[in-house]
C-alpha cells in the first residue's frame, strides 16, 4: 500500500519537474506538451435503500511528449504513465490501472512528407497485478514490473501527410518479450516455460493521431502492430487512446482506452476458459488536471 501511494506521489512530482523544465526551454527547435492529472472518487452510503457499497478510487495520469526538429530530421518522444487504485467496501486497495509506455523515434528527411525512421517502443508496469477468484476472493499474481515487458525496435520509413497524423512502417523490426519474475515464467505471458526472454524478428506498423479537436478538447491515439515473420498471422496489437477535456486551468475530464491483443498470452476468462483474448481497459476521470 505504501509503495503504491509513493508511486502516485512520484508520478505527480515527476510531472511537476517536467513542467518547470518545459517553461525554461527557449530553443524553438524543441517542442513539448503534456497532461498531468489526478482523479479521486468516493462513494459513501448510509442506510441507502438502493443498496451499494462504499468505494474509494484514486487515479493518476501523466502524458508528456517532446520533439527536436532540424533541417535534416526530427526526433520525437513520448512518455505515458498511469496508476490507479480502488477500495471496495472493507477490502484492501486493489490496482485498477498501471502502465509505463515510452516511445522514441528518429526520422531522417527524404521528402516533404516522407522520412527514413528508427523507432523504439517500450511497455511495462510498475506494480504487481493480481486476478481474484469470484467465489473465494483469493489472489493470484499474474504480472509484475518487467513481467511482462515489451521492447520493440525497428527500421523503416515514416509518412506524415498532415501535422496531426504519422504512419511508420518498419519491415526490419524485433520484439523482445521480457518476463523477469521467475514466478511468472510458466509460459502464460508468451515466453517459453522457464525462460525470461523471447525474441522475434518481424514487421512493425505504428500510427499516431494527435489533434486538438476543438477548443480545450484534445485527442491522442497510438496504434502499434507487430507481426513476427515466423508466424505472420499472429499479430501483437497495442492501441492506446487518450481524450482530454479541459474545464479550466486546473479541472479537467479524461478518458483513457487501452486495447491489447497478444496471441501468445494466455488469459483466464470470466467463464473459466483459457486462451488468447482481447484485453480492454478504460479509465474515466474528472479531477485535477493541467495541460501544458
C-alpha atoms as a PDB file:
ATOM      1  CA  UNK A   1       0.000   0.000   0.000  1.00  0.00           C
ATOM      2  CA  UNK A   2       2.778   2.438   0.956  1.00  0.00           C
ATOM      3  CA  UNK A   3       4.672   1.576  -2.239  1.00  0.00           C
ATOM      4  CA  UNK A   4       1.627   2.305  -4.348  1.00  0.00           C
ATOM      5  CA  UNK A   5       0.973   5.681  -2.726  1.00  0.00           C
ATOM      6  CA  UNK A   6       4.667   6.512  -3.105  1.00  0.00           C
ATOM      7  CA  UNK A   7       4.475   5.790  -6.824  1.00  0.00           C
ATOM      8  CA  UNK A   8       1.444   8.060  -7.196  1.00  0.00           C
ATOM      9  CA  UNK A   9       3.355  10.852  -5.450  1.00  0.00           C
ATOM     10  CA  UNK A  10       6.416  10.231  -7.631  1.00  0.00           C
ATOM     11  CA  UNK A  11       4.236  10.386 -10.742  1.00  0.00           C
ATOM     12  CA  UNK A  12       2.868  13.796  -9.758  1.00  0.00           C
ATOM     13  CA  UNK A  13       6.284  15.124  -8.705  1.00  0.00           C
ATOM     14  CA  UNK A  14       7.829  13.957 -11.982  1.00  0.00           C
ATOM     15  CA  UNK A  15       5.142  15.809 -13.867  1.00  0.00           C
ATOM     16  CA  UNK A  16       5.769  18.968 -11.852  1.00  0.00           C
ATOM     17  CA  UNK A  17       9.521  18.774 -12.527  1.00  0.00           C
ATOM     18  CA  UNK A  18       8.995  18.390 -16.261  1.00  0.00           C
ATOM     19  CA  UNK A  19       6.544  21.282 -16.195  1.00  0.00           C
ATOM     20  CA  UNK A  20       9.233  23.533 -14.734  1.00  0.00           C
ATOM     21  CA  UNK A  21      11.835  22.276 -17.212  1.00  0.00           C
ATOM     22  CA  UNK A  22       9.459  22.888 -20.102  1.00  0.00           C
ATOM     23  CA  UNK A  23       8.988  26.521 -19.108  1.00  0.00           C
ATOM     24  CA  UNK A  24      12.767  27.063 -19.292  1.00  0.00           C
ATOM     25  CA  UNK A  25      13.200  25.727 -22.840  1.00  0.00           C
ATOM     26  CA  UNK A  26      13.954  28.619 -25.216  1.00  0.00           C
ATOM     27  CA  UNK A  27      15.249  26.815 -28.323  1.00  0.00           C
ATOM     28  CA  UNK A  28      12.481  26.942 -30.952  1.00  0.00           C
ATOM     29  CA  UNK A  29      13.668  23.657 -32.472  1.00  0.00           C
ATOM     30  CA  UNK A  30      12.365  21.913 -29.349  1.00  0.00           C
ATOM     31  CA  UNK A  31       8.642  21.453 -28.785  1.00  0.00           C
ATOM     32  CA  UNK A  32       6.870  19.814 -25.873  1.00  0.00           C
ATOM     33  CA  UNK A  33       3.389  19.245 -24.500  1.00  0.00           C
ATOM     34  CA  UNK A  34       1.749  17.121 -21.872  1.00  0.00           C
ATOM     35  CA  UNK A  35      -1.060  16.420 -19.453  1.00  0.00           C
ATOM     36  CA  UNK A  36      -0.876  15.807 -15.708  1.00  0.00           C
ATOM     37  CA  UNK A  37      -3.958  14.636 -13.852  1.00  0.00           C
ATOM     38  CA  UNK A  38      -5.147  13.166 -10.567  1.00  0.00           C
ATOM     39  CA  UNK A  39      -8.685  11.894 -10.029  1.00  0.00           C
ATOM     40  CA  UNK A  40     -10.367  10.916  -6.761  1.00  0.00           C
ATOM     41  CA  UNK A  41     -13.783   9.268  -6.472  1.00  0.00           C
ATOM     42  CA  UNK A  42     -15.590   8.429  -3.245  1.00  0.00           C
ATOM     43  CA  UNK A  43     -18.994   6.834  -2.677  1.00  0.00           C
ATOM     44  CA  UNK A  44     -20.233   6.712   0.921  1.00  0.00           C
ATOM     45  CA  UNK A  45     -23.591   5.086   1.725  1.00  0.00           C
ATOM     46  CA  UNK A  46     -25.565   5.078   4.969  1.00  0.00           C
ATOM     47  CA  UNK A  47     -28.953   3.334   5.165  1.00  0.00           C
ATOM     48  CA  UNK A  48     -29.239   3.657   1.383  1.00  0.00           C
ATOM     49  CA  UNK A  49     -32.345   1.800   0.187  1.00  0.00           C
ATOM     50  CA  UNK A  50     -30.965   1.331  -3.310  1.00  0.00           C
ATOM     51  CA  UNK A  51     -28.058  -0.725  -1.999  1.00  0.00           C
ATOM     52  CA  UNK A  52     -24.417  -0.490  -2.974  1.00  0.00           C
ATOM     53  CA  UNK A  53     -21.007  -0.394  -1.302  1.00  0.00           C
ATOM     54  CA  UNK A  54     -18.640   2.303  -0.097  1.00  0.00           C
ATOM     55  CA  UNK A  55     -15.968   2.930  -2.710  1.00  0.00           C
ATOM     56  CA  UNK A  56     -12.770   4.947  -2.991  1.00  0.00           C
ATOM     57  CA  UNK A  57     -10.845   5.235  -6.266  1.00  0.00           C
ATOM     58  CA  UNK A  58      -7.604   7.130  -6.903  1.00  0.00           C
ATOM     59  CA  UNK A  59      -6.025   7.505 -10.343  1.00  0.00           C
ATOM     60  CA  UNK A  60      -3.005   9.419 -11.593  1.00  0.00           C
ATOM     61  CA  UNK A  61      -2.263  10.029 -15.276  1.00  0.00           C
ATOM     62  CA  UNK A  62       0.729  11.663 -16.882  1.00  0.00           C
ATOM     63  CA  UNK A  63       1.437  12.150 -20.594  1.00  0.00           C
ATOM     64  CA  UNK A  64       4.411  14.015 -21.944  1.00  0.00           C
ATOM     65  CA  UNK A  65       5.795  14.436 -25.454  1.00  0.00           C
ATOM     66  CA  UNK A  66       8.787  16.350 -26.746  1.00  0.00           C
ATOM     67  CA  UNK A  67      10.472  16.652 -30.120  1.00  0.00           C
ATOM     68  CA  UNK A  68      13.551  18.206 -31.676  1.00  0.00           C
ATOM     69  CA  UNK A  69      13.326  19.281 -35.310  1.00  0.00           C
ATOM     70  CA  UNK A  70      16.205  20.224 -37.609  1.00  0.00           C
ATOM     71  CA  UNK A  71      16.501  20.738 -41.353  1.00  0.00           C
ATOM     72  CA  UNK A  72      17.528  17.110 -41.867  1.00  0.00           C
ATOM     73  CA  UNK A  73      15.185  15.308 -39.498  1.00  0.00           C
ATOM     74  CA  UNK A  74      13.091  15.129 -36.355  1.00  0.00           C
ATOM     75  CA  UNK A  75      13.401  13.255 -33.067  1.00  0.00           C
ATOM     76  CA  UNK A  76      10.058  12.546 -31.359  1.00  0.00           C
ATOM     77  CA  UNK A  77       9.488  11.102 -27.892  1.00  0.00           C
ATOM     78  CA  UNK A  78       6.523  10.363 -25.652  1.00  0.00           C
ATOM     79  CA  UNK A  79       6.036   9.020 -22.142  1.00  0.00           C
ATOM     80  CA  UNK A  80       2.697   7.780 -20.791  1.00  0.00           C
ATOM     81  CA  UNK A  81       2.289   6.860 -17.130  1.00  0.00           C
ATOM     82  CA  UNK A  82      -0.851   5.718 -15.380  1.00  0.00           C
ATOM     83  CA  UNK A  83      -1.571   4.254 -11.964  1.00  0.00           C
ATOM     84  CA  UNK A  84      -4.814   3.751 -10.111  1.00  0.00           C
ATOM     85  CA  UNK A  85      -6.159   2.020  -7.003  1.00  0.00           C
ATOM     86  CA  UNK A  86      -9.689   1.131  -5.923  1.00  0.00           C
ATOM     87  CA  UNK A  87     -11.021   0.186  -2.498  1.00  0.00           C
ATOM     88  CA  UNK A  88     -14.412  -1.532  -2.374  1.00  0.00           C
ATOM     89  CA  UNK A  89     -16.170  -1.811   0.997  1.00  0.00           C
ATOM     90  CA  UNK A  90     -13.848  -3.431   3.582  1.00  0.00           C
ATOM     91  CA  UNK A  91     -11.457  -4.939   1.027  1.00  0.00           C
ATOM     92  CA  UNK A  92      -7.888  -3.720   0.623  1.00  0.00           C
ATOM     93  CA  UNK A  93      -6.894  -1.292  -2.120  1.00  0.00           C
ATOM     94  CA  UNK A  94      -6.514  -3.079  -5.445  1.00  0.00           C
ATOM     95  CA  UNK A  95      -4.767  -1.911  -8.560  1.00  0.00           C
ATOM     96  CA  UNK A  96      -7.078  -0.679 -11.307  1.00  0.00           C
ATOM     97  CA  UNK A  97      -4.606   0.984 -13.686  1.00  0.00           C
ATOM     98  CA  UNK A  98      -0.864   0.584 -14.206  1.00  0.00           C
ATOM     99  CA  UNK A  99       1.167   1.407 -17.296  1.00  0.00           C
ATOM    100  CA  UNK A 100       4.514   2.709 -18.450  1.00  0.00           C
ATOM    101  CA  UNK A 101       4.820   3.428 -22.174  1.00  0.00           C
ATOM    102  CA  UNK A 102       7.929   5.018 -23.659  1.00  0.00           C
ATOM    103  CA  UNK A 103       8.165   5.674 -27.405  1.00  0.00           C
ATOM    104  CA  UNK A 104      11.088   7.257 -29.239  1.00  0.00           C
ATOM    105  CA  UNK A 105      11.552   7.767 -32.972  1.00  0.00           C
ATOM    106  CA  UNK A 106      14.055   9.499 -35.194  1.00  0.00           C
ATOM    107  CA  UNK A 107      13.225  10.374 -38.782  1.00  0.00           C
ATOM    108  CA  UNK A 108      15.755  11.455 -41.410  1.00  0.00           C
ATOM    109  CA  UNK A 109      14.005  13.585 -44.018  1.00  0.00           C
ATOM    110  CA  UNK A 110      13.798  12.125 -47.534  1.00  0.00           C
ATOM    111  CA  UNK A 111      10.981  14.246 -49.000  1.00  0.00           C
ATOM    112  CA  UNK A 112       8.498  16.771 -47.634  1.00  0.00           C
ATOM    113  CA  UNK A 113       6.232  14.080 -46.137  1.00  0.00           C
ATOM    114  CA  UNK A 114       8.490  11.003 -46.098  1.00  0.00           C
ATOM    115  CA  UNK A 115      11.474  10.151 -43.895  1.00  0.00           C
ATOM    116  CA  UNK A 116      13.664   7.183 -43.047  1.00  0.00           C
ATOM    117  CA  UNK A 117      12.922   6.106 -39.481  1.00  0.00           C
ATOM    118  CA  UNK A 118      14.406   4.325 -36.489  1.00  0.00           C
ATOM    119  CA  UNK A 119      11.999   3.654 -33.650  1.00  0.00           C
ATOM    120  CA  UNK A 120      11.786   2.224 -30.143  1.00  0.00           C
ATOM    121  CA  UNK A 121       8.670   1.213 -28.204  1.00  0.00           C
ATOM    122  CA  UNK A 122       8.891   0.044 -24.571  1.00  0.00           C
ATOM    123  CA  UNK A 123       5.943  -1.022 -22.400  1.00  0.00           C
ATOM    124  CA  UNK A 124       5.645  -2.444 -18.904  1.00  0.00           C
ATOM    125  CA  UNK A 125       4.104  -1.713 -15.493  1.00  0.00           C
ATOM    126  CA  UNK A 126       5.354  -0.648 -12.063  1.00  0.00           C
ATOM    127  CA  UNK A 127       3.484  -2.904  -9.648  1.00  0.00           C
ATOM    128  CA  UNK A 128       2.324  -6.482  -9.169  1.00  0.00           C
ATOM    129  CA  UNK A 129      -1.004  -7.416 -10.738  1.00  0.00           C
ATOM    130  CA  UNK A 130      -3.442  -9.993  -9.394  1.00  0.00           C
ATOM    131  CA  UNK A 131      -6.549 -11.818 -10.514  1.00  0.00           C
ATOM    132  CA  UNK A 132      -9.177 -12.525  -7.870  1.00  0.00           C
ATOM    133  CA  UNK A 133     -11.340 -15.620  -7.620  1.00  0.00           C
ATOM    134  CA  UNK A 134     -15.013 -14.697  -7.957  1.00  0.00           C
ATOM    135  CA  UNK A 135     -16.071 -17.084  -5.166  1.00  0.00           C
ATOM    136  CA  UNK A 136     -13.213 -17.148  -2.654  1.00  0.00           C
ATOM    137  CA  UNK A 137     -11.685 -13.728  -3.470  1.00  0.00           C
ATOM    138  CA  UNK A 138      -8.241 -15.359  -3.302  1.00  0.00           C
ATOM    139  CA  UNK A 139      -5.489 -13.507  -5.189  1.00  0.00           C
ATOM    140  CA  UNK A 140      -3.217 -14.977  -7.862  1.00  0.00           C
ATOM    141  CA  UNK A 141      -0.247 -12.987  -9.140  1.00  0.00           C
ATOM    142  CA  UNK A 142      -0.406 -12.596 -12.922  1.00  0.00           C
ATOM    143  CA  UNK A 143       2.028  -9.743 -13.667  1.00  0.00           C
ATOM    144  CA  UNK A 144       4.796  -7.598 -12.200  1.00  0.00           C
ATOM    145  CA  UNK A 145       7.392  -4.968 -13.077  1.00  0.00           C
ATOM    146  CA  UNK A 146       9.120  -6.176 -16.286  1.00  0.00           C
ATOM    147  CA  UNK A 147       6.799  -9.172 -16.304  1.00  0.00           C
ATOM    148  CA  UNK A 148       5.821  -8.757 -18.964  1.00  0.00           C
ATOM    149  CA  UNK A 149       7.758  -6.008 -20.698  1.00  0.00           C
ATOM    150  CA  UNK A 150       7.751  -5.479 -24.453  1.00  0.00           C
ATOM    151  CA  UNK A 151      10.637  -3.802 -26.252  1.00  0.00           C
ATOM    152  CA  UNK A 152      10.139  -3.149 -29.964  1.00  0.00           C
ATOM    153  CA  UNK A 153      12.865  -1.665 -32.157  1.00  0.00           C
ATOM    154  CA  UNK A 154      12.639  -1.163 -35.899  1.00  0.00           C
ATOM    155  CA  UNK A 155      13.981   0.450 -39.055  1.00  0.00           C
ATOM    156  CA  UNK A 156      11.733   1.678 -41.835  1.00  0.00           C
ATOM    157  CA  UNK A 157      10.003   4.759 -43.212  1.00  0.00           C
ATOM    158  CA  UNK A 158       7.593   7.357 -41.841  1.00  0.00           C
ATOM    159  CA  UNK A 159       4.839   9.099 -43.780  1.00  0.00           C
ATOM    160  CA  UNK A 160       3.371  12.304 -42.323  1.00  0.00           C
ATOM    161  CA  UNK A 161       0.706  13.758 -44.639  1.00  0.00           C
ATOM    162  CA  UNK A 162      -0.503  16.299 -42.037  1.00  0.00           C
ATOM    163  CA  UNK A 163       0.824  17.619 -38.731  1.00  0.00           C
ATOM    164  CA  UNK A 164      -1.525  15.509 -36.605  1.00  0.00           C
ATOM    165  CA  UNK A 165      -1.062  12.110 -38.322  1.00  0.00           C
ATOM    166  CA  UNK A 166       2.080   9.973 -38.535  1.00  0.00           C
ATOM    167  CA  UNK A 167       2.380   6.470 -40.010  1.00  0.00           C
ATOM    168  CA  UNK A 168       5.550   4.388 -39.753  1.00  0.00           C
ATOM    169  CA  UNK A 169       6.228   1.037 -41.419  1.00  0.00           C
ATOM    170  CA  UNK A 170       9.298  -0.909 -40.277  1.00  0.00           C
ATOM    171  CA  UNK A 171       9.928  -4.092 -42.309  1.00  0.00           C
ATOM    172  CA  UNK A 172      13.011  -4.752 -40.175  1.00  0.00           C
ATOM    173  CA  UNK A 173      11.824  -4.931 -36.569  1.00  0.00           C
ATOM    174  CA  UNK A 174      12.496  -7.006 -33.489  1.00  0.00           C
ATOM    175  CA  UNK A 175      10.284  -7.666 -30.494  1.00  0.00           C
ATOM    176  CA  UNK A 176      11.937  -8.576 -27.209  1.00  0.00           C
ATOM    177  CA  UNK A 177       9.482 -10.041 -24.702  1.00  0.00           C
ATOM    178  CA  UNK A 178      10.751  -9.974 -21.116  1.00  0.00           C
ATOM    179  CA  UNK A 179       9.369 -11.866 -18.110  1.00  0.00           C
ATOM    180  CA  UNK A 180      11.764 -11.002 -15.274  1.00  0.00           C
ATOM    181  CA  UNK A 181       9.666 -12.513 -12.458  1.00  0.00           C
ATOM    182  CA  UNK A 182      10.591 -16.202 -12.070  1.00  0.00           C
ATOM    183  CA  UNK A 183       7.170 -16.950 -10.569  1.00  0.00           C
ATOM    184  CA  UNK A 184       5.579 -15.976 -13.905  1.00  0.00           C
ATOM    185  CA  UNK A 185       7.952 -17.833 -16.245  1.00  0.00           C
ATOM    186  CA  UNK A 186       5.406 -20.592 -16.846  1.00  0.00           C
ATOM    187  CA  UNK A 187       4.660 -19.745 -20.465  1.00  0.00           C
ATOM    188  CA  UNK A 188       1.412 -17.872 -19.789  1.00  0.00           C
ATOM    189  CA  UNK A 189       2.950 -14.471 -20.666  1.00  0.00           C
ATOM    190  CA  UNK A 190       4.398 -15.564 -24.008  1.00  0.00           C
ATOM    191  CA  UNK A 191       7.922 -16.784 -23.281  1.00  0.00           C
ATOM    192  CA  UNK A 192       8.878 -20.448 -23.291  1.00  0.00           C
ATOM    193  CA  UNK A 193       8.400 -22.119 -19.913  1.00  0.00           C
ATOM    194  CA  UNK A 194      11.322 -21.337 -17.603  1.00  0.00           C
ATOM    195  CA  UNK A 195      12.679 -18.622 -19.909  1.00  0.00           C
ATOM    196  CA  UNK A 196      12.875 -14.891 -19.188  1.00  0.00           C
ATOM    197  CA  UNK A 197      13.296 -13.584 -22.746  1.00  0.00           C
ATOM    198  CA  UNK A 198      11.855 -14.320 -26.163  1.00  0.00           C
ATOM    199  CA  UNK A 199      12.981 -12.535 -29.336  1.00  0.00           C
ATOM    200  CA  UNK A 200      11.075 -12.312 -32.628  1.00  0.00           C
ATOM    201  CA  UNK A 201      12.054 -10.742 -35.952  1.00  0.00           C
ATOM    202  CA  UNK A 202       9.147  -9.262 -37.867  1.00  0.00           C
ATOM    203  CA  UNK A 203       7.417  -6.242 -39.382  1.00  0.00           C
ATOM    204  CA  UNK A 204       6.007  -3.344 -37.362  1.00  0.00           C
ATOM    205  CA  UNK A 205       3.489  -0.599 -38.101  1.00  0.00           C
ATOM    206  CA  UNK A 206       2.957   2.489 -35.917  1.00  0.00           C
ATOM    207  CA  UNK A 207       0.263   5.120 -36.357  1.00  0.00           C
ATOM    208  CA  UNK A 208      -0.162   8.240 -34.205  1.00  0.00           C
ATOM    209  CA  UNK A 209      -3.041  10.723 -34.302  1.00  0.00           C
ATOM    210  CA  UNK A 210      -2.768  13.816 -32.105  1.00  0.00           C
ATOM    211  CA  UNK A 211      -5.021  16.815 -32.574  1.00  0.00           C
ATOM    212  CA  UNK A 212      -6.975  19.462 -30.705  1.00  0.00           C
ATOM    213  CA  UNK A 213     -10.469  18.635 -31.931  1.00  0.00           C
ATOM    214  CA  UNK A 214     -11.835  21.939 -30.700  1.00  0.00           C
ATOM    215  CA  UNK A 215     -11.017  24.478 -28.013  1.00  0.00           C
ATOM    216  CA  UNK A 216      -9.975  22.651 -24.816  1.00  0.00           C
ATOM    217  CA  UNK A 217     -10.646  19.182 -26.258  1.00  0.00           C
ATOM    218  CA  UNK A 218      -7.645  17.129 -27.340  1.00  0.00           C
ATOM    219  CA  UNK A 219      -7.389  13.586 -28.685  1.00  0.00           C
ATOM    220  CA  UNK A 220      -4.296  11.410 -28.944  1.00  0.00           C
ATOM    221  CA  UNK A 221      -4.378   7.863 -30.274  1.00  0.00           C
ATOM    222  CA  UNK A 222      -1.478   5.477 -30.888  1.00  0.00           C
ATOM    223  CA  UNK A 223      -1.624   2.121 -32.661  1.00  0.00           C
ATOM    224  CA  UNK A 224       1.237  -0.394 -32.773  1.00  0.00           C
ATOM    225  CA  UNK A 225       1.019  -3.656 -34.734  1.00  0.00           C
ATOM    226  CA  UNK A 226       3.841  -6.216 -34.809  1.00  0.00           C
ATOM    227  CA  UNK A 227       3.781  -9.421 -36.858  1.00  0.00           C
ATOM    228  CA  UNK A 228       6.634 -11.961 -36.489  1.00  0.00           C
ATOM    229  CA  UNK A 229       7.892 -13.357 -39.779  1.00  0.00           C
ATOM    230  CA  UNK A 230       7.874 -16.882 -38.318  1.00  0.00           C
ATOM    231  CA  UNK A 231       4.110 -16.636 -37.637  1.00  0.00           C
ATOM    232  CA  UNK A 232       2.938 -13.668 -39.696  1.00  0.00           C
ATOM    233  CA  UNK A 233      -0.750 -14.210 -38.828  1.00  0.00           C
ATOM    234  CA  UNK A 234      -0.113 -13.938 -35.052  1.00  0.00           C
ATOM    235  CA  UNK A 235      -0.102 -10.172 -34.712  1.00  0.00           C
ATOM    236  CA  UNK A 236       0.559  -8.272 -31.496  1.00  0.00           C
ATOM    237  CA  UNK A 237      -1.704  -5.205 -31.266  1.00  0.00           C
ATOM    238  CA  UNK A 238      -1.414  -2.279 -28.835  1.00  0.00           C
ATOM    239  CA  UNK A 239      -3.865   0.611 -29.162  1.00  0.00           C
ATOM    240  CA  UNK A 240      -3.871   3.500 -26.679  1.00  0.00           C
ATOM    241  CA  UNK A 241      -6.243   6.464 -26.798  1.00  0.00           C
ATOM    242  CA  UNK A 242      -6.498   9.494 -24.516  1.00  0.00           C
ATOM    243  CA  UNK A 243      -9.228  12.145 -24.710  1.00  0.00           C
ATOM    244  CA  UNK A 244      -8.788  15.253 -22.560  1.00  0.00           C
ATOM    245  CA  UNK A 245     -11.492  17.849 -21.928  1.00  0.00           C
ATOM    246  CA  UNK A 246     -10.267  20.967 -20.164  1.00  0.00           C
ATOM    247  CA  UNK A 247     -12.790  22.758 -17.934  1.00  0.00           C
ATOM    248  CA  UNK A 248     -10.351  25.396 -16.689  1.00  0.00           C
ATOM    249  CA  UNK A 249      -6.650  25.626 -15.846  1.00  0.00           C
ATOM    250  CA  UNK A 250      -6.953  23.080 -13.037  1.00  0.00           C
ATOM    251  CA  UNK A 251     -10.058  20.976 -13.624  1.00  0.00           C
ATOM    252  CA  UNK A 252     -10.457  18.540 -16.491  1.00  0.00           C
ATOM    253  CA  UNK A 253     -12.085  15.317 -17.560  1.00  0.00           C
ATOM    254  CA  UNK A 254     -10.216  12.489 -19.223  1.00  0.00           C
ATOM    255  CA  UNK A 255     -10.982   9.203 -20.927  1.00  0.00           C
ATOM    256  CA  UNK A 256      -8.239   6.641 -21.484  1.00  0.00           C
ATOM    257  CA  UNK A 257      -8.734   3.466 -23.510  1.00  0.00           C
ATOM    258  CA  UNK A 258      -6.138   0.708 -23.852  1.00  0.00           C
ATOM    259  CA  UNK A 259      -6.662  -2.314 -26.095  1.00  0.00           C
ATOM    260  CA  UNK A 260      -4.147  -5.167 -26.296  1.00  0.00           C
ATOM    261  CA  UNK A 261      -4.174  -8.424 -28.221  1.00  0.00           C
ATOM    262  CA  UNK A 262      -1.246 -10.807 -27.888  1.00  0.00           C
ATOM    263  CA  UNK A 263      -1.867 -14.322 -29.263  1.00  0.00           C
ATOM    264  CA  UNK A 264       0.871 -15.752 -27.042  1.00  0.00           C
ATOM    265  CA  UNK A 265      -0.540 -14.547 -23.737  1.00  0.00           C
ATOM    266  CA  UNK A 266      -2.905 -16.984 -22.027  1.00  0.00           C
ATOM    267  CA  UNK A 267      -5.855 -15.205 -20.389  1.00  0.00           C
ATOM    268  CA  UNK A 268      -8.219 -16.765 -17.853  1.00  0.00           C
ATOM    269  CA  UNK A 269     -11.638 -15.550 -18.997  1.00  0.00           C
ATOM    270  CA  UNK A 270     -14.643 -14.800 -16.780  1.00  0.00           C
ATOM    271  CA  UNK A 271     -16.204 -18.175 -17.652  1.00  0.00           C
ATOM    272  CA  UNK A 272     -13.070 -20.043 -16.531  1.00  0.00           C
ATOM    273  CA  UNK A 273     -11.800 -20.898 -20.009  1.00  0.00           C
ATOM    274  CA  UNK A 274      -8.239 -20.018 -21.002  1.00  0.00           C
ATOM    275  CA  UNK A 275      -6.659 -18.734 -24.199  1.00  0.00           C
ATOM    276  CA  UNK A 276      -5.679 -15.593 -26.140  1.00  0.00           C
ATOM    277  CA  UNK A 277      -8.191 -12.774 -25.661  1.00  0.00           C
ATOM    278  CA  UNK A 278      -8.593  -9.096 -26.424  1.00  0.00           C
ATOM    279  CA  UNK A 279      -7.662  -7.120 -23.314  1.00  0.00           C
ATOM    280  CA  UNK A 280      -9.557  -3.858 -22.780  1.00  0.00           C
ATOM    281  CA  UNK A 281      -9.063  -1.255 -20.075  1.00  0.00           C
ATOM    282  CA  UNK A 282     -10.705   2.161 -19.823  1.00  0.00           C
ATOM    283  CA  UNK A 283     -10.323   4.870 -17.212  1.00  0.00           C
ATOM    284  CA  UNK A 284     -12.749   7.782 -16.926  1.00  0.00           C
ATOM    285  CA  UNK A 285     -11.874  10.551 -14.534  1.00  0.00           C
ATOM    286  CA  UNK A 286     -12.860  14.050 -13.503  1.00  0.00           C
ATOM    287  CA  UNK A 287     -10.470  15.873 -11.244  1.00  0.00           C
ATOM    288  CA  UNK A 288      -7.311  17.928 -11.084  1.00  0.00           C
ATOM    289  CA  UNK A 289      -5.611  18.308 -14.437  1.00  0.00           C
ATOM    290  CA  UNK A 290      -3.125  20.559 -16.118  1.00  0.00           C
ATOM    291  CA  UNK A 291      -2.350  20.675 -19.809  1.00  0.00           C
ATOM    292  CA  UNK A 292       0.915  22.232 -20.896  1.00  0.00           C
END
